[in-house]
C-alpha atoms as a PDB file:
ATOM      1  CA  MET A   1       0.028  -0.224  -0.236  1.00  0.00           C
ATOM      2  CA  MET A   2       1.102   3.458  -0.505  1.00  0.00           C
ATOM      3  CA  THR A   3       2.586   5.701   2.656  1.00  0.00           C
ATOM      4  CA  SER A   4       1.389   9.161   3.033  1.00  0.00           C
ATOM      5  CA  SER A   5       4.884   9.999   2.454  1.00  0.00           C
ATOM      6  CA  ASP A   6       4.445   8.165  -1.668  1.00  0.00           C
ATOM      7  CA  HIS A   7       1.363  10.302  -2.242  1.00  0.00           C
ATOM      8  CA  SER A   8       2.853  13.354  -4.235  1.00  0.00           C
ATOM      9  CA  THR A   9       0.826  15.641  -6.153  1.00  0.00           C
ATOM     10  CA  ALA A  10       3.428  16.710  -7.327  1.00  0.00           C
ATOM     11  CA  LEU A  11       3.613  13.641  -9.592  1.00  0.00           C
ATOM     12  CA  PRO A  12       1.859  13.474 -13.249  1.00  0.00           C
ATOM     13  CA  PHE A  13      -1.202  12.095 -12.682  1.00  0.00           C
ATOM     14  CA  PHE A  14      -3.470  10.126 -15.345  1.00  0.00           C
ATOM     15  CA  PHE A  15      -6.339   8.382 -15.501  1.00  0.00           C
ATOM     16  CA  ILE A  16      -6.869   4.394 -16.123  1.00  0.00           C
ATOM     17  CA  ASP A  17     -10.171   2.318 -16.282  1.00  0.00           C
ATOM     18  CA  ALA A  18      -8.882  -0.379 -13.739  1.00  0.00           C
ATOM     19  CA  ILE A  19      -5.731  -0.441 -11.952  1.00  0.00           C
ATOM     20  CA  ALA A  20      -3.807  -3.943 -11.599  1.00  0.00           C
ATOM     21  CA  ALA A  21      -2.105  -5.213  -8.030  1.00  0.00           C
ATOM     22  CA  ALA A  22       1.186  -3.879  -6.697  1.00  0.00           C
ATOM     23  CA  GLY A  23       4.199  -5.410  -8.464  1.00  0.00           C
ATOM     24  CA  THR A  24       2.383  -5.356 -11.887  1.00  0.00           C
ATOM     25  CA  ASN A  25       2.980  -3.942 -14.941  1.00  0.00           C
ATOM     26  CA  MET A  26       0.300  -2.006 -16.635  1.00  0.00           C
ATOM     27  CA  VAL A  27      -0.485  -0.767 -20.338  1.00  0.00           C
ATOM     28  CA  LEU A  28      -1.830   2.859 -20.353  1.00  0.00           C
ATOM     29  CA  THR A  29      -3.786   3.988 -22.904  1.00  0.00           C
ATOM     30  CA  GLU A  30      -3.046   5.859 -26.005  1.00  0.00           C
ATOM     31  CA  ASP A  31      -3.944   9.292 -24.912  1.00  0.00           C
ATOM     32  CA  SER A  32      -2.133   9.041 -21.863  1.00  0.00           C
ATOM     33  CA  SER A  33       0.608   7.813 -23.563  1.00  0.00           C
ATOM     34  CA  ARG A  34       1.123  10.070 -26.181  1.00  0.00           C
ATOM     35  CA  HIS A  35       0.798  12.934 -23.292  1.00  0.00           C
ATOM     36  CA  MET A  36       3.145  11.585 -21.149  1.00  0.00           C
ATOM     37  CA  ILE A  37       5.768  11.260 -23.701  1.00  0.00           C
ATOM     38  CA  GLN A  38       5.555  13.946 -26.236  1.00  0.00           C
ATOM     39  CA  VAL A  39       4.192  16.674 -23.713  1.00  0.00           C
ATOM     40  CA  LEU A  40       5.584  16.100 -21.113  1.00  0.00           C
ATOM     41  CA  ARG A  41       8.980  14.477 -22.020  1.00  0.00           C
ATOM     42  CA  MET A  42       8.655  11.596 -18.983  1.00  0.00           C
ATOM     43  CA  GLU A  43      11.386   8.631 -19.389  1.00  0.00           C
ATOM     44  CA  ALA A  44      12.081   5.539 -18.115  1.00  0.00           C
ATOM     45  CA  GLY A  45      12.001   5.564 -14.271  1.00  0.00           C
ATOM     46  CA  ASP A  46       9.809   8.301 -14.124  1.00  0.00           C
ATOM     47  CA  TYR A  47       7.457   8.111 -11.138  1.00  0.00           C
ATOM     48  CA  LEU A  48       3.760   8.912 -11.717  1.00  0.00           C
ATOM     49  CA  ARG A  49       0.194   8.825 -10.308  1.00  0.00           C
ATOM     50  CA  LEU A  50      -2.882   6.714 -11.502  1.00  0.00           C
ATOM     51  CA  THR A  51      -6.616   6.640 -10.389  1.00  0.00           C
ATOM     52  CA  ASP A  52      -9.717   4.626 -11.561  1.00  0.00           C
ATOM     53  CA  GLY A  53     -12.193   7.339 -10.755  1.00  0.00           C
ATOM     54  CA  ASN A  54     -13.111   5.298  -8.048  1.00  0.00           C
ATOM     55  CA  GLY A  55     -11.329   5.876  -4.990  1.00  0.00           C
ATOM     56  CA  LEU A  56      -8.403   3.729  -6.317  1.00  0.00           C
ATOM     57  CA  GLU A  57      -5.146   5.571  -6.613  1.00  0.00           C
ATOM     58  CA  ALA A  58      -1.492   3.988  -7.423  1.00  0.00           C
ATOM     59  CA  LYS A  59       2.050   5.013  -7.672  1.00  0.00           C
ATOM     60  CA  ALA A  60       4.045   3.726 -10.678  1.00  0.00           C
ATOM     61  CA  ILE A  61       6.941   3.841 -12.626  1.00  0.00           C
ATOM     62  CA  ILE A  62       7.301   4.038 -16.128  1.00  0.00           C
ATOM     63  CA  VAL A  63       9.667   0.990 -17.555  1.00  0.00           C
ATOM     64  CA  ASP A  64       8.748   1.255 -21.383  1.00  0.00           C
ATOM     65  CA  PRO A  65       8.222   4.414 -22.606  1.00  0.00           C
ATOM     66  CA  HIS A  66       5.967   5.001 -25.794  1.00  0.00           C
ATOM     67  CA  LYS A  67       4.204   7.172 -27.548  1.00  0.00           C
ATOM     68  CA  LYS A  68       1.183   4.697 -27.993  1.00  0.00           C
ATOM     69  CA  ASN A  69       1.292   2.092 -24.944  1.00  0.00           C
ATOM     70  CA  THR A  70       3.588   3.163 -22.193  1.00  0.00           C
ATOM     71  CA  ASN A  71       4.415   0.298 -19.510  1.00  0.00           C
ATOM     72  CA  VAL A  72       4.415   0.814 -16.068  1.00  0.00           C
ATOM     73  CA  LYS A  73       5.032  -0.817 -13.149  1.00  0.00           C
ATOM     74  CA  ILE A  74       2.476  -0.344 -10.079  1.00  0.00           C
ATOM     75  CA  ILE A  75       4.724   0.272  -6.484  1.00  0.00           C
ATOM     76  CA  GLY A  76       2.041   0.961  -4.308  1.00  0.00           C
ATOM     77  CA  ILE A  77      -2.100   1.110  -3.934  1.00  0.00           C
ATOM     78  CA  ALA A  78      -3.912   4.005  -1.871  1.00  0.00           C
ATOM     79  CA  ASN A  79      -7.892   3.713  -1.704  1.00  0.00           C
ATOM     80  CA  HIS A  80      -9.820   6.976  -0.633  1.00  0.00           C
ATOM     81  CA  ALA A  81     -13.237   6.382   0.886  1.00  0.00           C
ATOM     82  CA  HIS A  82     -16.515   8.301  -0.584  1.00  0.00           C
ATOM     83  CA  SER A  83     -16.885  12.010   0.866  1.00  0.00           C
ATOM     84  CA  GLU A  84     -19.422  11.820   3.272  1.00  0.00           C
ATOM     85  CA  LYS A  85     -21.508  14.596   0.757  1.00  0.00           C
ATOM     86  CA  GLN A  86     -22.792  12.479  -2.043  1.00  0.00           C
ATOM     87  CA  HIS A  87     -24.836  15.208  -3.646  1.00  0.00           C
ATOM     88  CA  THR A  88     -26.693  15.453  -7.358  1.00  0.00           C
ATOM     89  CA  ILE A  89     -27.334  17.995  -9.586  1.00  0.00           C
ATOM     90  CA  ALA A  90     -30.200  17.144 -12.118  1.00  0.00           C
ATOM     91  CA  ILE A  91     -30.020  19.631 -14.529  1.00  0.00           C
ATOM     92  CA  SER A  92     -31.525  20.255 -18.249  1.00  0.00           C
ATOM     93  CA  LEU A  93     -29.636  20.360 -21.313  1.00  0.00           C
ATOM     94  CA  LEU A  94     -28.906  23.315 -23.027  1.00  0.00           C
ATOM     95  CA  LYS A  95     -28.913  24.325 -26.669  1.00  0.00           C
ATOM     96  CA  ASN A  96     -25.142  25.391 -26.440  1.00  0.00           C
ATOM     97  CA  ASN A  97     -22.901  22.625 -25.323  1.00  0.00           C
ATOM     98  CA  THR A  98     -20.087  24.773 -24.712  1.00  0.00           C
ATOM     99  CA  ARG A  99     -21.893  26.132 -21.788  1.00  0.00           C
ATOM    100  CA  PHE A 100     -23.124  22.751 -20.191  1.00  0.00           C
ATOM    101  CA  GLU A 101     -19.355  21.439 -20.659  1.00  0.00           C
ATOM    102  CA  TRP A 102     -18.765  24.458 -18.809  1.00  0.00           C
ATOM    103  CA  PHE A 103     -21.337  23.391 -16.000  1.00  0.00           C
ATOM    104  CA  LEU A 104     -19.663  20.328 -15.417  1.00  0.00           C
ATOM    105  CA  GLU A 105     -15.963  21.211 -15.550  1.00  0.00           C
ATOM    106  CA  LYS A 106     -17.040  23.252 -12.458  1.00  0.00           C
ATOM    107  CA  ALA A 107     -19.082  20.617 -10.984  1.00  0.00           C
ATOM    108  CA  ALA A 108     -16.048  18.092 -11.229  1.00  0.00           C
ATOM    109  CA  GLU A 109     -13.412  20.463  -9.150  1.00  0.00           C
ATOM    110  CA  LEU A 110     -16.002  21.270  -6.870  1.00  0.00           C
ATOM    111  CA  GLY A 111     -16.329  17.275  -5.962  1.00  0.00           C
ATOM    112  CA  LEU A 112     -20.034  16.873  -6.734  1.00  0.00           C
ATOM    113  CA  ALA A 113     -20.870  13.219  -6.731  1.00  0.00           C
ATOM    114  CA  ARG A 114     -23.602  13.072  -9.401  1.00  0.00           C
ATOM    115  CA  VAL A 115     -24.531  15.030 -12.561  1.00  0.00           C
ATOM    116  CA  VAL A 116     -28.108  13.581 -14.365  1.00  0.00           C
ATOM    117  CA  PRO A 117     -28.914  15.860 -17.505  1.00  0.00           C
ATOM    118  CA  LEU A 118     -32.826  16.142 -17.578  1.00  0.00           C
ATOM    119  CA  ILE A 119     -35.019  16.432 -20.549  1.00  0.00           C
ATOM    120  CA  CYS A 120     -37.866  19.209 -19.537  1.00  0.00           C
ATOM    121  CA  GLY A 121     -40.677  20.730 -21.293  1.00  0.00           C
ATOM    122  CA  ARG A 122     -38.990  23.667 -22.239  1.00  0.00           C
ATOM    123  CA  THR A 123     -35.183  21.559 -22.794  1.00  0.00           C
ATOM    124  CA  GLU A 124     -34.141  23.066 -26.244  1.00  0.00           C
ATOM    125  CA  LYS A 125     -32.803  19.194 -27.383  1.00  0.00           C
ATOM    126  CA  GLN A 126     -29.375  18.605 -29.170  1.00  0.00           C
ATOM    127  CA  ARG A 127     -27.056  15.642 -29.606  1.00  0.00           C
ATOM    128  CA  PHE A 128     -25.790  14.838 -26.313  1.00  0.00           C
ATOM    129  CA  ARG A 129     -22.059  13.407 -26.485  1.00  0.00           C
ATOM    130  CA  PHE A 130     -21.909  11.037 -23.612  1.00  0.00           C
ATOM    131  CA  ASP A 131     -17.581  10.127 -24.523  1.00  0.00           C
ATOM    132  CA  ARG A 132     -17.586  13.807 -24.568  1.00  0.00           C
ATOM    133  CA  MET A 133     -18.608  14.672 -21.575  1.00  0.00           C
ATOM    134  CA  ARG A 134     -17.239  12.302 -19.484  1.00  0.00           C
ATOM    135  CA  SER A 135     -13.472  13.014 -20.996  1.00  0.00           C
ATOM    136  CA  ILE A 136     -14.394  16.605 -19.660  1.00  0.00           C
ATOM    137  CA  LEU A 137     -15.292  15.105 -16.033  1.00  0.00           C
ATOM    138  CA  ILE A 138     -12.515  12.962 -16.116  1.00  0.00           C
ATOM    139  CA  SER A 139      -9.731  16.042 -17.069  1.00  0.00           C
ATOM    140  CA  ALA A 140     -11.666  18.153 -14.226  1.00  0.00           C
ATOM    141  CA  MET A 141     -10.991  15.440 -11.678  1.00  0.00           C
ATOM    142  CA  LEU A 142      -7.104  15.346 -12.567  1.00  0.00           C
ATOM    143  CA  GLN A 143      -6.543  18.845 -12.749  1.00  0.00           C
ATOM    144  CA  SER A 144      -8.143  19.264  -9.320  1.00  0.00           C
ATOM    145  CA  GLN A 145      -6.230  15.929  -8.039  1.00  0.00           C
ATOM    146  CA  GLN A 146      -8.845  14.140  -7.333  1.00  0.00           C
ATOM    147  CA  SER A 147      -9.225  10.020  -7.406  1.00  0.00           C
ATOM    148  CA  ARG A 148     -13.202  10.303  -7.530  1.00  0.00           C
ATOM    149  CA  LEU A 149     -15.146  10.762 -10.905  1.00  0.00           C
ATOM    150  CA  THR A 150     -17.928  12.870 -10.942  1.00  0.00           C
ATOM    151  CA  HIS A 151     -20.759  10.437 -12.091  1.00  0.00           C
ATOM    152  CA  LEU A 152     -22.484  11.081 -15.243  1.00  0.00           C
ATOM    153  CA  SER A 153     -25.763   9.760 -16.422  1.00  0.00           C
ATOM    154  CA  GLU A 154     -27.609   9.844 -19.742  1.00  0.00           C
ATOM    155  CA  PRO A 155     -30.224  12.591 -20.268  1.00  0.00           C
ATOM    156  CA  ILE A 156     -33.619  11.598 -18.644  1.00  0.00           C
ATOM    157  CA  PRO A 157     -37.050  13.025 -18.987  1.00  0.00           C
ATOM    158  CA  PHE A 158     -37.886  14.768 -15.808  1.00  0.00           C
ATOM    159  CA  LYS A 159     -40.754  13.338 -14.592  1.00  0.00           C
ATOM    160  CA  GLN A 160     -39.032   9.437 -15.146  1.00  0.00           C
ATOM    161  CA  PHE A 161     -36.175  11.105 -13.031  1.00  0.00           C
ATOM    162  CA  LEU A 162     -38.616  11.876 -10.464  1.00  0.00           C
ATOM    163  CA  ASP A 163     -40.285   8.411 -10.770  1.00  0.00           C
ATOM    164  CA  GLU A 164     -37.485   6.963  -9.933  1.00  0.00           C
ATOM    165  CA  LYS A 165     -36.040   8.878  -7.173  1.00  0.00           C
ATOM    166  CA  PHE A 166     -39.483   9.087  -5.514  1.00  0.00           C
ATOM    167  CA  THR A 167     -39.648   6.335  -2.871  1.00  0.00           C
ATOM    168  CA  GLY A 168     -42.533   7.745  -0.719  1.00  0.00           C
ATOM    169  CA  GLU A 169     -39.654   8.602   2.084  1.00  0.00           C
ATOM    170  CA  PRO A 170     -38.863  11.884   2.464  1.00  0.00           C
ATOM    171  CA  SER A 171     -36.462  11.167   5.108  1.00  0.00           C
ATOM    172  CA  ALA A 172     -34.247   9.003   2.589  1.00  0.00           C
ATOM    173  CA  PHE A 173     -32.971  12.053   0.735  1.00  0.00           C
ATOM    174  CA  ARG A 174     -33.634  15.877   0.552  1.00  0.00           C
ATOM    175  CA  GLY A 175     -34.592  16.789  -2.964  1.00  0.00           C
ATOM    176  CA  LEU A 176     -34.749  20.678  -3.818  1.00  0.00           C
ATOM    177  CA  ILE A 177     -36.019  22.252  -7.000  1.00  0.00           C
ATOM    178  CA  ALA A 178     -34.271  26.013  -7.937  1.00  0.00           C
ATOM    179  CA  HIS A 179     -37.632  27.735  -9.751  1.00  0.00           C
ATOM    180  CA  CYS A 180     -37.906  31.490 -11.063  1.00  0.00           C
ATOM    181  CA  ASP A 181     -41.752  31.328  -9.880  1.00  0.00           C
ATOM    182  CA  GLU A 182     -42.645  33.801  -7.002  1.00  0.00           C
ATOM    183  CA  GLY A 183     -43.193  32.446  -3.639  1.00  0.00           C
ATOM    184  CA  LEU A 184     -41.722  31.435  -0.551  1.00  0.00           C
ATOM    185  CA  LYS A 185     -38.451  29.575  -0.685  1.00  0.00           C
ATOM    186  CA  ASN A 186     -35.683  28.330   1.544  1.00  0.00           C
ATOM    187  CA  ASN A 187     -31.795  29.029   1.257  1.00  0.00           C
ATOM    188  CA  LEU A 188     -29.464  25.871   0.731  1.00  0.00           C
ATOM    189  CA  LEU A 189     -27.577  27.463   3.461  1.00  0.00           C
ATOM    190  CA  ASP A 190     -30.385  27.310   6.261  1.00  0.00           C
ATOM    191  CA  ALA A 191     -29.848  25.515   9.376  1.00  0.00           C
ATOM    192  CA  GLY A 192     -32.499  22.615   8.146  1.00  0.00           C
ATOM    193  CA  TYR A 193     -30.459  21.350   5.483  1.00  0.00           C
ATOM    194  CA  GLN A 194     -26.761  21.531   6.929  1.00  0.00           C
ATOM    195  CA  ASN A 195     -25.465  17.763   7.897  1.00  0.00           C
ATOM    196  CA  ILE A 196     -27.635  16.353   5.562  1.00  0.00           C
ATOM    197  CA  PHE A 197     -25.425  14.932   2.936  1.00  0.00           C
ATOM    198  CA  HIS A 198     -27.373  13.115   0.369  1.00  0.00           C
ATOM    199  CA  LYS A 199     -29.119  16.260  -1.298  1.00  0.00           C
ATOM    200  CA  THR A 200     -30.290  16.346  -4.911  1.00  0.00           C
ATOM    201  CA  VAL A 201     -30.798  20.087  -6.356  1.00  0.00           C
ATOM    202  CA  LEU A 202     -32.853  20.305  -9.863  1.00  0.00           C
ATOM    203  CA  ILE A 203     -32.088  22.847 -12.117  1.00  0.00           C
ATOM    204  CA  GLY A 204     -34.483  23.867 -14.934  1.00  0.00           C
ATOM    205  CA  PRO A 205     -33.752  24.934 -18.727  1.00  0.00           C
ATOM    206  CA  GLU A 206     -33.610  28.312 -20.020  1.00  0.00           C
ATOM    207  CA  GLY A 207     -37.365  29.386 -19.849  1.00  0.00           C
ATOM    208  CA  ASP A 208     -37.387  27.622 -16.240  1.00  0.00           C
ATOM    209  CA  PHE A 209     -39.571  24.376 -15.283  1.00  0.00           C
ATOM    210  CA  THR A 210     -42.975  24.537 -16.617  1.00  0.00           C
ATOM    211  CA  PRO A 211     -45.668  25.389 -13.670  1.00  0.00           C
ATOM    212  CA  GLU A 212     -46.967  21.746 -14.241  1.00  0.00           C
ATOM    213  CA  GLU A 213     -42.883  20.569 -13.411  1.00  0.00           C
ATOM    214  CA  ILE A 214     -42.831  22.675 -10.155  1.00  0.00           C
ATOM    215  CA  THR A 215     -46.002  20.923  -9.050  1.00  0.00           C
ATOM    216  CA  LEU A 216     -45.264  17.696  -9.880  1.00  0.00           C
ATOM    217  CA  ALA A 217     -41.832  18.069  -8.160  1.00  0.00           C
ATOM    218  CA  LEU A 218     -42.939  19.469  -4.884  1.00  0.00           C
ATOM    219  CA  SER A 219     -45.755  16.775  -4.647  1.00  0.00           C
ATOM    220  CA  ARG A 220     -42.550  14.595  -4.744  1.00  0.00           C
ATOM    221  CA  GLY A 221     -41.748  16.108  -1.745  1.00  0.00           C
ATOM    222  CA  TYR A 222     -38.983  18.564  -2.997  1.00  0.00           C
ATOM    223  CA  GLU A 223     -38.568  21.849  -1.472  1.00  0.00           C
ATOM    224  CA  ALA A 224     -38.586  25.403  -2.972  1.00  0.00           C
ATOM    225  CA  ILE A 225     -34.960  26.668  -2.636  1.00  0.00           C
ATOM    226  CA  SER A 226     -33.333  30.170  -4.085  1.00  0.00           C
ATOM    227  CA  LEU A 227     -29.822  30.372  -5.223  1.00  0.00           C
ATOM    228  CA  GLY A 228     -29.995  34.455  -5.147  1.00  0.00           C
ATOM    229  CA  SER A 229     -31.257  37.904  -5.971  1.00  0.00           C
ATOM    230  CA  THR A 230     -30.622  37.383  -9.522  1.00  0.00           C
ATOM    231  CA  ARG A 231     -32.086  35.436 -12.033  1.00  0.00           C
ATOM    232  CA  LEU A 232     -29.109  33.073 -13.153  1.00  0.00           C
ATOM    233  CA  ARG A 233     -27.985  31.244 -16.219  1.00  0.00           C
ATOM    234  CA  THR A 234     -29.095  27.339 -16.112  1.00  0.00           C
ATOM    235  CA  GLU A 235     -25.566  26.651 -15.774  1.00  0.00           C
ATOM    236  CA  THR A 236     -24.111  29.613 -13.745  1.00  0.00           C
ATOM    237  CA  ALA A 237     -27.048  28.082 -11.526  1.00  0.00           C
ATOM    238  CA  GLY A 238     -25.670  24.632 -11.667  1.00  0.00           C
ATOM    239  CA  VAL A 239     -22.183  25.924 -10.256  1.00  0.00           C
ATOM    240  CA  VAL A 240     -23.724  28.262  -7.767  1.00  0.00           C
ATOM    241  CA  ALA A 241     -25.991  25.298  -6.343  1.00  0.00           C
ATOM    242  CA  ALA A 242     -23.061  22.705  -6.531  1.00  0.00           C
ATOM    243  CA  THR A 243     -20.991  24.923  -4.449  1.00  0.00           C
ATOM    244  CA  LEU A 244     -23.482  25.457  -1.949  1.00  0.00           C
ATOM    245  CA  LEU A 245     -23.782  21.852  -1.645  1.00  0.00           C
ATOM    246  CA  GLN A 246     -20.613  21.342  -1.229  1.00  0.00           C
ATOM    247  CA  THR A 247     -20.590  23.583   1.419  1.00  0.00           C
ATOM    248  CA  THR A 248     -22.996  22.264   3.658  1.00  0.00           C
END
């Protein structure tokens, strides 16, 4: 196992789907190999870190550098436990892919556990490229020196998501919906939300949730919340919600 002295954030950090046992060799992906050899100019004998995005982190040494299939030897492995904060943001897809990708990047940097893309009544549908979105999450995880990858779901219709999440036991989770309609709303920093580590926040599309969607969410036990005194873009609301979730 790795010791605390082995855990050096100065070492280059790479993602791999699975980590072999300590003492064994592994071949890295072409993307990682190319970056390692052609960009970082790493050589045989150089050390690096690997993570599988599920909490496992390994220290490794380059055995055979190659721009397409670098071979490394696993020296030690550490298993990082889940954060007690396992929050979810279910957020409408956006017509502008770049803005949605920006939200994903920031959510991952903040350590959010899960993102669920929603298809709402006012969502302007567009192509969802799961592999590209996941690669953005991986890059953000590595950039922010984390070993757990934000889980990304395939897009799901709003009502279907509520049907799957609703258990009939409001105490099992705390569901929150951020919408623009008038009325009494709570604040995510309210004392009643402190130390609740499995919260789900719903964020609607440009144009907001429909009245029917708001009513449905409230009937399922979701509570209305405010994310501030100004009207935010969908992706901005997502980042604000992620920040507040990770601080409560």
